[in-house]
Amino acid sequence: MSNIFKYFLNLIPRPLLIRLSYWVRPLIAFSLKGNKFTDPIDGKSFKKFLPYGYESPRENVLSPSTLSLERHRLLWLYLVNETDFFTKHQKVLHFAPEQAFYKRFKKMGNIEYTTTDLNSPLAEIKADICNLPFQNDSFDVILCNHVLEHIPNDTKAMQELYRVMKPGGWGIFQIPQDLKREKTFEDDFITDKKERARIFGQYDHVRIYGRDYFDKLRSIGFTVEEVDYTSSLPKEDVEKYRLAKGEIIPLVFK
């Protein structure tokens, strides 16, 4: 069964997977009920999670109930435990809203919730991150996770994120990152999808970020905290929630 899931999940583009998941997700979740791993987003537990990944699928990382991955569960835990996201009234901009969060955030009474993306079926406003249709200083909180690695001109995208964030606002801009790599690698001449997947980790990625990602955000004007949140959690929780130990949360402020 695991190999079937792996083949199925890694062939289907994420937007289509979102649509299909509404039908197949409950069946998969029921078949994997157990108590070894827990998805903190909905509190449900399973005997195992599903594999996920393009080039080298990772085992036990995709939650059967919310379709969250390691980064989603890490973000959720951080928002719940370390921020006022769920209590303070604020305007929130969410790029390429993840299925695990979309309905939950939309129901929250304390936030004015705006979603945007060019391709996501969950985004209410179709917009280019490099040319956003919002006024300067519009949002208290911006969530932009695993988006910038798809954008050829990520400098312009970061400038737009800075422009529409309110002074005193904050955001989390997660990206796939090789922390052993000092400098970000990109090559505009790599256009073949298979070659992109091999080099950048996914067919629609245009770079692999190194540790200099944080300094690039700082060069735009953001104050950046490099939050290693898993280091503050018990190792039993890191395993139970299937987090990626050592993943850095890029917390930014204007």
Protein backbone atom coordinates (compact mmCIF):
# COMPACT_ATOMS: atom_id res chain seq x y z
CA MET A 1 0.00 0.00 0.00
CA SER A 2 2.86 2.39 0.82
CA ASN A 3 4.33 2.05 -2.68
CA ILE A 4 0.93 2.75 -4.24
CA PHE A 5 0.56 5.91 -2.15
CA LYS A 6 4.08 6.98 -3.05
CA TYR A 7 3.50 6.51 -6.76
CA PHE A 8 0.11 8.26 -6.64
CA LEU A 9 1.15 11.26 -4.57
CA ASN A 10 4.37 12.04 -6.39
CA LEU A 11 2.90 11.95 -9.89
CA ILE A 12 0.03 14.37 -9.25
CA PRO A 13 0.68 18.14 -9.25
CA ARG A 14 -0.12 19.77 -5.92
CA PRO A 15 -3.16 21.82 -7.15
CA LEU A 16 -4.82 18.70 -8.56
CA LEU A 17 -3.92 16.72 -5.45
CA ILE A 18 -5.75 19.34 -3.38
CA ARG A 19 -8.93 18.79 -5.38
CA LEU A 20 -8.70 14.99 -5.35
CA SER A 21 -7.87 14.82 -1.67
CA TYR A 22 -11.35 15.89 -0.61
CA TRP A 23 -12.58 12.53 -1.90
CA VAL A 24 -9.79 10.12 -0.97
CA ARG A 25 -8.39 11.67 2.21
CA PRO A 26 -11.07 10.38 4.63
CA LEU A 27 -10.62 6.82 3.37
CA ILE A 28 -6.83 6.94 3.70
CA ALA A 29 -7.03 8.53 7.16
CA PHE A 30 -9.42 5.84 8.39
CA SER A 31 -7.20 3.03 7.11
CA LEU A 32 -4.14 4.42 8.91
CA LYS A 33 -5.66 5.18 12.32
CA GLY A 34 -3.26 4.43 15.18
CA ASN A 35 -1.28 6.10 17.94
CA LYS A 36 2.33 6.33 16.78
CA PHE A 37 2.31 9.75 15.05
CA THR A 38 0.07 12.76 15.68
CA ASP A 39 -0.90 15.67 13.47
CA PRO A 40 -0.98 18.68 15.85
CA ILE A 41 -3.16 20.64 13.43
CA ASP A 42 -6.23 18.46 14.01
CA GLY A 43 -5.00 16.27 16.89
CA LYS A 44 -5.57 13.00 15.03
CA SER A 45 -3.14 10.11 15.41
CA PHE A 46 -2.04 7.38 13.01
CA LYS A 47 0.04 4.25 12.88
CA LYS A 48 2.05 5.91 10.12
CA PHE A 49 2.10 8.95 7.88
CA LEU A 50 2.40 8.79 4.09
CA PRO A 51 5.57 9.21 2.02
CA TYR A 52 6.08 12.39 0.01
CA GLY A 53 8.73 13.94 -2.22
CA TYR A 54 9.64 14.27 -5.88
CA GLU A 55 13.19 13.00 -6.29
CA SER A 56 13.74 11.12 -3.03
CA PRO A 57 10.42 10.56 -1.26
CA ARG A 58 10.59 10.97 2.52
CA GLU A 59 8.87 8.34 4.64
CA ASN A 60 6.23 9.14 7.24
CA VAL A 61 5.88 12.86 6.46
CA LEU A 62 2.45 13.47 4.87
CA SER A 63 -0.42 13.53 7.37
CA PRO A 64 -3.36 11.42 6.13
CA SER A 65 -5.92 13.78 7.67
CA THR A 66 -4.76 17.34 6.85
CA LEU A 67 -2.15 16.56 4.16
CA SER A 68 0.30 18.60 6.21
CA LEU A 69 4.05 18.11 5.78
CA GLU A 70 6.84 18.73 8.28
CA ARG A 71 6.93 22.46 7.56
CA HIS A 72 3.18 22.89 8.05
CA ARG A 73 3.16 21.16 11.42
CA LEU A 74 6.19 23.15 12.54
CA LEU A 75 4.53 26.41 11.50
CA TRP A 76 1.28 25.46 13.27
CA LEU A 77 3.05 24.66 16.54
CA TYR A 78 5.00 27.90 16.38
CA LEU A 79 1.91 30.01 15.66
CA VAL A 80 -0.05 28.35 18.46
CA ASN A 81 2.65 28.40 21.11
CA GLU A 82 4.73 31.49 20.35
CA THR A 83 2.53 34.13 18.70
CA ASP A 84 -0.75 36.03 19.12
CA PHE A 85 -1.96 34.87 15.69
CA PHE A 86 -5.04 33.14 17.12
CA THR A 87 -6.05 35.86 19.58
CA LYS A 88 -5.19 39.34 18.29
CA HIS A 89 -7.30 41.18 15.72
CA GLN A 90 -5.13 41.64 12.64
CA LYS A 91 -5.10 41.66 8.86
CA VAL A 92 -3.44 38.57 7.43
CA LEU A 93 -2.18 37.95 3.90
CA HIS A 94 -1.58 34.30 3.02
CA PHE A 95 0.20 33.32 -0.19
CA ALA A 96 -0.63 29.98 -1.82
CA PRO A 97 -2.75 28.94 1.18
CA GLU A 98 -2.08 25.41 2.32
CA GLN A 99 -5.03 23.05 2.51
CA ALA A 100 -4.14 22.19 6.09
CA PHE A 101 -4.70 25.81 7.13
CA TYR A 102 -7.14 27.40 4.70
CA LYS A 103 -10.51 26.51 6.25
CA ARG A 104 -9.21 26.85 9.79
CA PHE A 105 -7.83 30.34 9.21
CA LYS A 106 -10.88 31.42 7.23
CA LYS A 107 -13.16 30.60 10.19
CA MET A 108 -11.11 32.58 12.70
CA GLY A 109 -13.01 35.59 13.96
CA ASN A 110 -9.98 37.59 15.06
CA ILE A 111 -8.33 37.96 11.64
CA GLU A 112 -9.23 39.61 8.35
CA TYR A 113 -7.98 36.86 6.07
CA THR A 114 -6.86 37.47 2.49
CA THR A 115 -5.47 34.69 0.27
CA THR A 116 -3.59 35.18 -2.99
CA ASP A 117 -1.67 33.22 -5.61
CA LEU A 118 -1.58 32.86 -9.38
CA ASN A 119 -2.41 29.16 -9.55
CA SER A 120 -3.77 27.84 -6.26
CA PRO A 121 -7.45 26.82 -6.38
CA LEU A 122 -7.72 28.01 -2.77
CA ALA A 123 -6.54 31.57 -3.46
CA GLU A 124 -9.31 34.15 -3.62
CA ILE A 125 -7.23 36.87 -5.30
CA LYS A 126 -5.23 35.80 -8.36
CA ALA A 127 -2.11 37.95 -8.30
CA ASP A 128 1.57 37.97 -9.18
CA ILE A 129 3.72 38.16 -6.06
CA CYS A 130 6.03 40.50 -7.98
CA ASN A 131 3.18 42.94 -8.68
CA LEU A 132 0.66 42.79 -5.85
CA PRO A 133 -2.70 44.62 -6.07
CA PHE A 134 -2.54 45.89 -2.47
CA GLN A 135 -1.83 49.28 -0.94
CA ASN A 136 1.41 50.02 0.89
CA ASP A 137 1.41 49.01 4.58
CA SER A 138 -1.74 46.89 4.33
CA PHE A 139 -1.15 43.75 6.42
CA ASP A 140 -0.17 43.01 10.00
CA VAL A 141 0.88 39.43 9.24
CA ILE A 142 2.10 37.81 6.02
CA LEU A 143 2.50 34.07 5.54
CA CYS A 144 4.49 33.17 2.43
CA ASN A 145 5.72 29.62 2.69
CA HIS A 146 7.46 27.58 -0.01
CA VAL A 147 6.64 30.19 -2.64
CA LEU A 148 9.83 32.18 -3.24
CA GLU A 149 11.77 29.19 -4.59
CA HIS A 150 9.32 29.19 -7.54
CA ILE A 151 9.82 32.88 -8.39
CA PRO A 152 12.53 33.84 -10.92
CA ASN A 153 12.79 37.40 -9.57
CA ASP A 154 12.66 36.68 -5.85
CA THR A 155 14.21 40.08 -5.08
CA LYS A 156 11.17 41.84 -6.53
CA ALA A 157 8.86 39.44 -4.70
CA MET A 158 10.57 40.21 -1.38
CA GLN A 159 10.31 43.94 -2.08
CA GLU A 160 6.57 43.56 -2.66
CA LEU A 161 6.19 41.59 0.58
CA TYR A 162 7.99 44.39 2.41
CA ARG A 163 5.89 47.08 0.72
CA VAL A 164 2.50 45.61 1.68
CA MET A 165 3.48 44.74 5.28
CA LYS A 166 2.55 47.31 7.89
CA PRO A 167 5.33 48.93 9.94
CA GLY A 168 5.52 46.80 13.07
CA GLY A 169 4.09 43.85 11.17
CA TRP A 170 5.61 40.39 10.99
CA GLY A 171 5.67 37.37 8.74
CA ILE A 172 6.99 33.87 8.24
CA PHE A 173 8.60 33.12 4.87
CA GLN A 174 9.56 29.43 4.91
CA ILE A 175 11.54 28.01 1.99
CA PRO A 176 13.25 24.69 1.20
CA GLN A 177 16.78 25.35 2.36
CA ASP A 178 20.11 23.57 2.41
CA LEU A 179 21.64 24.83 5.65
CA LYS A 180 24.99 23.28 4.71
CA ARG A 181 25.12 25.55 1.68
CA GLU A 182 26.49 29.04 2.37
CA LYS A 183 25.30 30.58 -0.90
CA THR A 184 22.04 30.14 -2.78
CA PHE A 185 22.41 28.37 -6.12
CA GLU A 186 20.35 29.25 -9.19
CA ASP A 187 20.89 28.85 -12.91
CA ASP A 188 18.36 30.30 -15.37
CA PHE A 189 19.65 28.00 -18.11
CA ILE A 190 18.33 24.92 -16.28
CA THR A 191 14.84 24.64 -17.75
CA ASP A 192 14.33 20.87 -18.17
CA LYS A 193 11.85 19.67 -15.53
CA LYS A 194 13.74 16.48 -14.74
CA GLU A 195 16.99 18.39 -14.38
CA ARG A 196 15.33 20.99 -12.16
CA ALA A 197 13.93 18.23 -9.95
CA ARG A 198 17.37 16.62 -9.69
CA ILE A 199 19.21 19.84 -8.87
CA PHE A 200 16.64 21.97 -7.06
CA GLY A 201 14.52 19.21 -5.51
CA GLN A 202 11.34 19.86 -7.48
CA TYR A 203 10.51 20.37 -11.15
CA ASP A 204 9.06 23.86 -10.64
CA HIS A 205 11.78 25.23 -8.36
CA VAL A 206 14.30 27.68 -9.80
CA ARG A 207 16.89 27.73 -6.99
CA ILE A 208 18.11 26.02 -3.86
CA TYR A 209 18.47 28.48 -0.99
CA GLY A 210 21.50 28.52 1.26
CA ARG A 211 22.10 30.28 4.56
CA ASP A 212 22.43 33.62 2.74
CA TYR A 213 18.62 33.64 2.36
CA PHE A 214 18.28 35.41 5.70
CA ASP A 215 20.73 38.13 4.72
CA LYS A 216 18.89 38.68 1.45
CA LEU A 217 15.71 39.33 3.41
CA ARG A 218 17.66 41.75 5.61
CA SER A 219 18.94 43.56 2.52
CA ILE A 220 15.33 44.23 1.52
CA GLY A 221 14.73 45.94 4.88
CA PHE A 222 13.32 43.16 7.07
CA THR A 223 14.57 42.39 10.53
CA VAL A 224 15.03 38.62 10.56
CA GLU A 225 15.11 36.07 13.36
CA GLU A 226 16.39 32.61 12.44
CA VAL A 227 14.21 30.47 14.70
CA ASP A 228 15.32 26.87 15.28
CA TYR A 229 12.05 25.94 16.95
CA THR A 230 12.60 22.19 17.01
CA SER A 231 15.56 22.72 19.35
CA SER A 232 13.14 24.01 22.01
CA LEU A 233 10.81 21.01 21.74
CA PRO A 234 11.24 17.63 23.45
CA LYS A 235 12.78 15.15 21.05
CA GLU A 236 9.77 12.90 21.65
CA ASP A 237 7.50 15.63 20.23
CA VAL A 238 9.74 16.17 17.21
CA GLU A 239 9.31 12.48 16.37
CA LYS A 240 5.63 12.24 17.32
CA TYR A 241 4.71 15.22 15.12
CA ARG A 242 7.17 14.14 12.41
CA LEU A 243 9.01 17.47 12.24
CA ALA A 244 12.27 18.11 10.40
CA LYS A 245 14.77 18.57 13.21
CA GLY A 246 16.84 21.72 12.70
CA GLU A 247 14.51 23.34 10.16
CA ILE A 248 14.76 27.11 10.55
CA ILE A 249 11.67 29.32 10.67
CA PRO A 250 12.46 32.66 8.97
CA LEU A 251 10.57 35.13 11.19
CA VAL A 252 10.61 38.63 9.70
CA PHE A 253 9.57 42.06 10.99
CA LYS A 254 9.12 45.47 9.37
